[in-house]
């Protein structure tokens, strides 16, 4: 099995990245491999009134490495939370 199949999974799956907590939200970065680059993608979740709400964030940005994509994803998700707060779940 190739290095990349071990890293990303044999069926095109994403990276295995632990969620990051930010101001009561959980950000799970999940960069999407695309044409040798990685698209910014994450799930932002938060428990509200006993219900877990989720928002999937996908951006047009493509970055050359998975690590760069994870860093940019977390930065963009934090910015989205700061700007929109719970309205991202509307």
N, C-alpha and C. Protein backbone atom coordinates (compact mmCIF):
# COMPACT_ATOMS: atom_id res chain seq x y z
N UNK A 1 0.85 -1.17 0.00
CA UNK A 1 0.00 0.00 0.00
C UNK A 1 0.90 1.24 0.00
N UNK A 2 0.56 2.21 -0.83
CA UNK A 2 1.39 3.41 -0.94
C UNK A 2 1.25 4.29 0.30
N UNK A 3 2.22 5.18 0.47
CA UNK A 3 2.21 6.12 1.59
C UNK A 3 0.92 6.93 1.59
N UNK A 4 0.51 7.42 0.42
CA UNK A 4 -0.67 8.28 0.36
C UNK A 4 -1.95 7.51 0.66
N UNK A 5 -2.03 6.25 0.25
CA UNK A 5 -3.19 5.45 0.59
C UNK A 5 -3.27 5.23 2.09
N UNK A 6 -2.13 5.04 2.74
CA UNK A 6 -2.12 4.89 4.19
C UNK A 6 -2.54 6.19 4.86
N UNK A 7 -2.08 7.31 4.33
CA UNK A 7 -2.37 8.61 4.93
C UNK A 7 -3.82 9.02 4.71
N UNK A 8 -4.33 8.84 3.50
CA UNK A 8 -5.65 9.35 3.15
C UNK A 8 -6.72 8.28 3.05
N UNK A 9 -6.35 7.03 3.11
CA UNK A 9 -7.32 5.95 2.98
C UNK A 9 -7.39 5.48 1.55
N UNK A 10 -7.64 4.22 1.37
CA UNK A 10 -7.65 3.63 0.04
C UNK A 10 -8.81 4.05 -0.83
N UNK A 11 -9.89 4.57 -0.25
CA UNK A 11 -11.07 4.90 -1.04
C UNK A 11 -11.24 6.40 -1.22
N UNK A 12 -10.14 7.16 -1.16
CA UNK A 12 -10.24 8.60 -1.34
C UNK A 12 -10.68 9.34 -0.10
N UNK A 13 -10.67 8.67 1.05
CA UNK A 13 -11.10 9.30 2.29
C UNK A 13 -10.16 10.41 2.71
N UNK A 14 -10.59 11.22 3.65
CA UNK A 14 -9.82 12.37 4.09
C UNK A 14 -8.84 12.02 5.18
N UNK A 15 -8.16 13.03 5.64
CA UNK A 15 -7.22 12.89 6.74
C UNK A 15 -7.95 12.58 8.03
N UNK A 16 -7.29 11.94 8.95
CA UNK A 16 -7.83 11.69 10.27
C UNK A 16 -7.29 12.79 11.19
N UNK A 17 -8.13 13.77 11.48
CA UNK A 17 -7.70 14.94 12.24
C UNK A 17 -8.61 15.09 13.45
N UNK A 18 -8.02 15.30 14.62
CA UNK A 18 -8.80 15.49 15.83
C UNK A 18 -9.51 16.84 15.79
N UNK A 19 -10.75 16.90 16.30
CA UNK A 19 -11.47 18.17 16.37
C UNK A 19 -10.74 19.15 17.28
N UNK A 20 -10.91 20.43 16.99
CA UNK A 20 -10.33 21.52 17.78
C UNK A 20 -11.46 22.33 18.37
N UNK A 21 -11.41 22.58 19.69
CA UNK A 21 -12.44 23.38 20.35
C UNK A 21 -12.11 24.86 20.19
N UNK A 22 -13.13 25.65 19.88
CA UNK A 22 -12.96 27.10 19.77
C UNK A 22 -14.25 27.78 20.21
N UNK A 23 -14.20 28.46 21.35
CA UNK A 23 -15.33 29.23 21.88
C UNK A 23 -16.63 28.41 21.96
N UNK A 24 -16.52 27.16 22.37
CA UNK A 24 -17.69 26.31 22.53
C UNK A 24 -18.07 25.54 21.28
N UNK A 25 -17.38 25.76 20.18
CA UNK A 25 -17.63 25.06 18.93
C UNK A 25 -16.53 24.01 18.74
N UNK A 26 -16.86 22.93 18.03
CA UNK A 26 -15.85 21.94 17.63
C UNK A 26 -15.62 22.10 16.13
N UNK A 27 -14.37 22.28 15.76
CA UNK A 27 -14.00 22.39 14.35
C UNK A 27 -13.26 21.12 13.98
N UNK A 28 -13.78 20.42 12.98
CA UNK A 28 -13.13 19.22 12.48
C UNK A 28 -12.68 19.49 11.05
N UNK A 29 -11.39 19.75 10.90
CA UNK A 29 -10.83 20.01 9.57
C UNK A 29 -10.83 18.72 8.76
N UNK A 30 -11.21 18.83 7.49
CA UNK A 30 -11.26 17.66 6.60
C UNK A 30 -10.91 18.10 5.19
N UNK A 31 -9.65 18.51 4.95
CA UNK A 31 -9.27 18.97 3.61
C UNK A 31 -9.59 17.91 2.55
N UNK A 32 -10.04 18.38 1.41
CA UNK A 32 -10.43 17.48 0.33
C UNK A 32 -9.31 17.42 -0.70
N UNK A 33 -8.71 16.23 -0.93
CA UNK A 33 -7.69 16.11 -1.97
C UNK A 33 -8.31 16.39 -3.34
N UNK A 34 -7.65 17.24 -4.10
CA UNK A 34 -8.20 17.61 -5.40
C UNK A 34 -7.07 18.01 -6.35
N UNK A 35 -6.84 17.22 -7.34
CA UNK A 35 -5.84 17.55 -8.36
C UNK A 35 -4.45 17.78 -7.81
N UNK A 36 -4.03 17.02 -6.82
CA UNK A 36 -2.70 17.17 -6.25
C UNK A 36 -2.61 18.29 -5.21
N UNK A 37 -3.73 18.95 -4.94
CA UNK A 37 -3.79 19.99 -3.92
C UNK A 37 -4.89 19.62 -2.92
N UNK A 38 -5.19 20.53 -1.99
CA UNK A 38 -6.18 20.26 -0.95
C UNK A 38 -7.12 21.45 -0.79
N UNK A 39 -8.42 21.16 -0.88
CA UNK A 39 -9.44 22.19 -0.72
C UNK A 39 -9.78 22.34 0.75
N UNK A 40 -9.97 23.57 1.20
CA UNK A 40 -10.36 23.86 2.58
C UNK A 40 -11.76 23.33 2.83
N UNK A 41 -11.90 22.52 3.89
CA UNK A 41 -13.19 21.94 4.24
C UNK A 41 -13.18 21.59 5.73
N UNK A 42 -14.31 21.83 6.40
CA UNK A 42 -14.43 21.48 7.82
C UNK A 42 -15.89 21.31 8.19
N UNK A 43 -16.11 20.62 9.29
CA UNK A 43 -17.42 20.58 9.93
C UNK A 43 -17.29 21.36 11.23
N UNK A 44 -18.21 22.30 11.41
CA UNK A 44 -18.27 23.08 12.64
C UNK A 44 -19.52 22.61 13.38
N UNK A 45 -19.36 22.22 14.65
CA UNK A 45 -20.51 21.73 15.40
C UNK A 45 -20.55 22.36 16.78
N UNK A 46 -21.76 22.37 17.33
CA UNK A 46 -21.97 22.91 18.67
C UNK A 46 -23.27 22.33 19.22
N UNK A 47 -23.28 22.05 20.51
CA UNK A 47 -24.50 21.59 21.15
C UNK A 47 -25.31 22.80 21.58
N UNK A 48 -26.55 22.87 21.09
CA UNK A 48 -27.46 23.96 21.42
C UNK A 48 -28.76 23.35 21.90
N UNK A 49 -29.16 23.69 23.13
CA UNK A 49 -30.40 23.15 23.73
C UNK A 49 -30.46 21.63 23.65
N UNK A 50 -29.35 20.98 23.93
CA UNK A 50 -29.30 19.52 23.96
C UNK A 50 -29.22 18.86 22.60
N UNK A 51 -29.16 19.65 21.53
CA UNK A 51 -29.08 19.11 20.17
C UNK A 51 -27.76 19.53 19.53
N UNK A 52 -27.07 18.58 18.93
CA UNK A 52 -25.83 18.90 18.23
C UNK A 52 -26.16 19.43 16.85
N UNK A 53 -25.74 20.66 16.59
CA UNK A 53 -25.96 21.30 15.29
C UNK A 53 -24.64 21.27 14.54
N UNK A 54 -24.72 21.13 13.20
CA UNK A 54 -23.51 21.06 12.38
C UNK A 54 -23.64 21.96 11.16
N UNK A 55 -22.49 22.49 10.77
CA UNK A 55 -22.39 23.28 9.54
C UNK A 55 -21.16 22.78 8.79
N UNK A 56 -21.33 22.51 7.51
CA UNK A 56 -20.18 22.07 6.69
C UNK A 56 -19.67 23.28 5.91
N UNK A 57 -18.41 23.59 6.11
CA UNK A 57 -17.77 24.72 5.45
C UNK A 57 -16.84 24.18 4.36
N UNK A 58 -17.07 24.61 3.13
CA UNK A 58 -16.19 24.26 2.02
C UNK A 58 -15.84 25.56 1.31
N UNK A 59 -14.56 25.78 1.09
CA UNK A 59 -14.08 26.99 0.44
C UNK A 59 -13.44 26.64 -0.90
N UNK A 60 -13.31 27.65 -1.74
CA UNK A 60 -12.70 27.45 -3.05
C UNK A 60 -11.18 27.35 -2.97
N UNK A 61 -10.60 27.80 -1.86
CA UNK A 61 -9.15 27.83 -1.70
C UNK A 61 -8.53 26.45 -1.87
N UNK A 62 -7.48 26.36 -2.67
CA UNK A 62 -6.68 25.15 -2.82
C UNK A 62 -5.28 25.43 -2.33
N UNK A 63 -4.74 24.49 -1.56
CA UNK A 63 -3.40 24.65 -1.00
C UNK A 63 -2.54 23.45 -1.37
N UNK A 64 -1.21 23.65 -1.43
CA UNK A 64 -0.33 22.59 -1.93
C UNK A 64 -0.13 21.40 -0.99
N UNK A 65 -0.35 21.58 0.31
CA UNK A 65 -0.12 20.46 1.23
C UNK A 65 -1.31 20.30 2.17
N UNK A 66 -1.48 19.09 2.67
CA UNK A 66 -2.56 18.81 3.61
C UNK A 66 -2.38 19.63 4.89
N UNK A 67 -1.14 19.77 5.34
CA UNK A 67 -0.88 20.52 6.57
C UNK A 67 -1.25 21.99 6.39
N UNK A 68 -0.91 22.58 5.25
CA UNK A 68 -1.29 23.96 4.97
C UNK A 68 -2.80 24.10 4.93
N UNK A 69 -3.47 23.12 4.34
CA UNK A 69 -4.93 23.15 4.24
C UNK A 69 -5.58 23.07 5.62
N UNK A 70 -5.04 22.23 6.50
CA UNK A 70 -5.58 22.14 7.85
C UNK A 70 -5.42 23.47 8.57
N UNK A 71 -4.24 24.08 8.50
CA UNK A 71 -4.00 25.36 9.15
C UNK A 71 -4.96 26.43 8.63
N UNK A 72 -5.11 26.51 7.32
CA UNK A 72 -5.99 27.50 6.71
C UNK A 72 -7.45 27.21 7.06
N UNK A 73 -7.82 25.94 7.10
CA UNK A 73 -9.18 25.55 7.45
C UNK A 73 -9.53 26.01 8.86
N UNK A 74 -8.64 25.77 9.80
CA UNK A 74 -8.90 26.19 11.18
C UNK A 74 -8.99 27.71 11.28
N UNK A 75 -8.14 28.40 10.58
CA UNK A 75 -8.16 29.88 10.57
C UNK A 75 -9.49 30.39 10.00
N UNK A 76 -9.92 29.84 8.87
CA UNK A 76 -11.17 30.26 8.23
C UNK A 76 -12.38 29.91 9.09
N UNK A 77 -12.37 28.75 9.73
CA UNK A 77 -13.48 28.34 10.58
C UNK A 77 -13.59 29.27 11.79
N UNK A 78 -12.47 29.61 12.40
CA UNK A 78 -12.50 30.55 13.54
C UNK A 78 -13.05 31.90 13.11
N UNK A 79 -12.66 32.34 11.93
CA UNK A 79 -13.15 33.62 11.40
C UNK A 79 -14.67 33.54 11.18
N UNK A 80 -15.16 32.46 10.62
CA UNK A 80 -16.59 32.27 10.38
C UNK A 80 -17.36 32.28 11.70
N UNK A 81 -16.84 31.61 12.71
CA UNK A 81 -17.48 31.59 14.03
C UNK A 81 -17.52 33.00 14.60
N UNK A 82 -16.43 33.73 14.49
CA UNK A 82 -16.37 35.10 15.03
C UNK A 82 -17.39 36.00 14.33
N UNK A 83 -17.50 35.86 13.01
CA UNK A 83 -18.38 36.74 12.24
C UNK A 83 -19.85 36.36 12.34
N UNK A 84 -20.16 35.05 12.40
CA UNK A 84 -21.55 34.62 12.32
C UNK A 84 -22.11 33.95 13.56
N UNK A 85 -21.24 33.45 14.42
CA UNK A 85 -21.72 32.78 15.63
C UNK A 85 -22.71 31.68 15.31
N UNK A 86 -23.75 31.56 16.13
CA UNK A 86 -24.72 30.47 15.97
C UNK A 86 -25.57 30.59 14.70
N UNK A 87 -25.55 31.75 14.05
CA UNK A 87 -26.36 31.88 12.82
C UNK A 87 -25.85 30.99 11.70
N UNK A 88 -24.65 30.43 11.82
CA UNK A 88 -24.18 29.51 10.78
C UNK A 88 -25.05 28.26 10.70
N UNK A 89 -25.83 27.99 11.76
CA UNK A 89 -26.68 26.81 11.78
C UNK A 89 -28.09 27.10 11.26
N UNK A 90 -28.36 28.33 10.88
CA UNK A 90 -29.70 28.70 10.38
C UNK A 90 -29.91 28.29 8.96
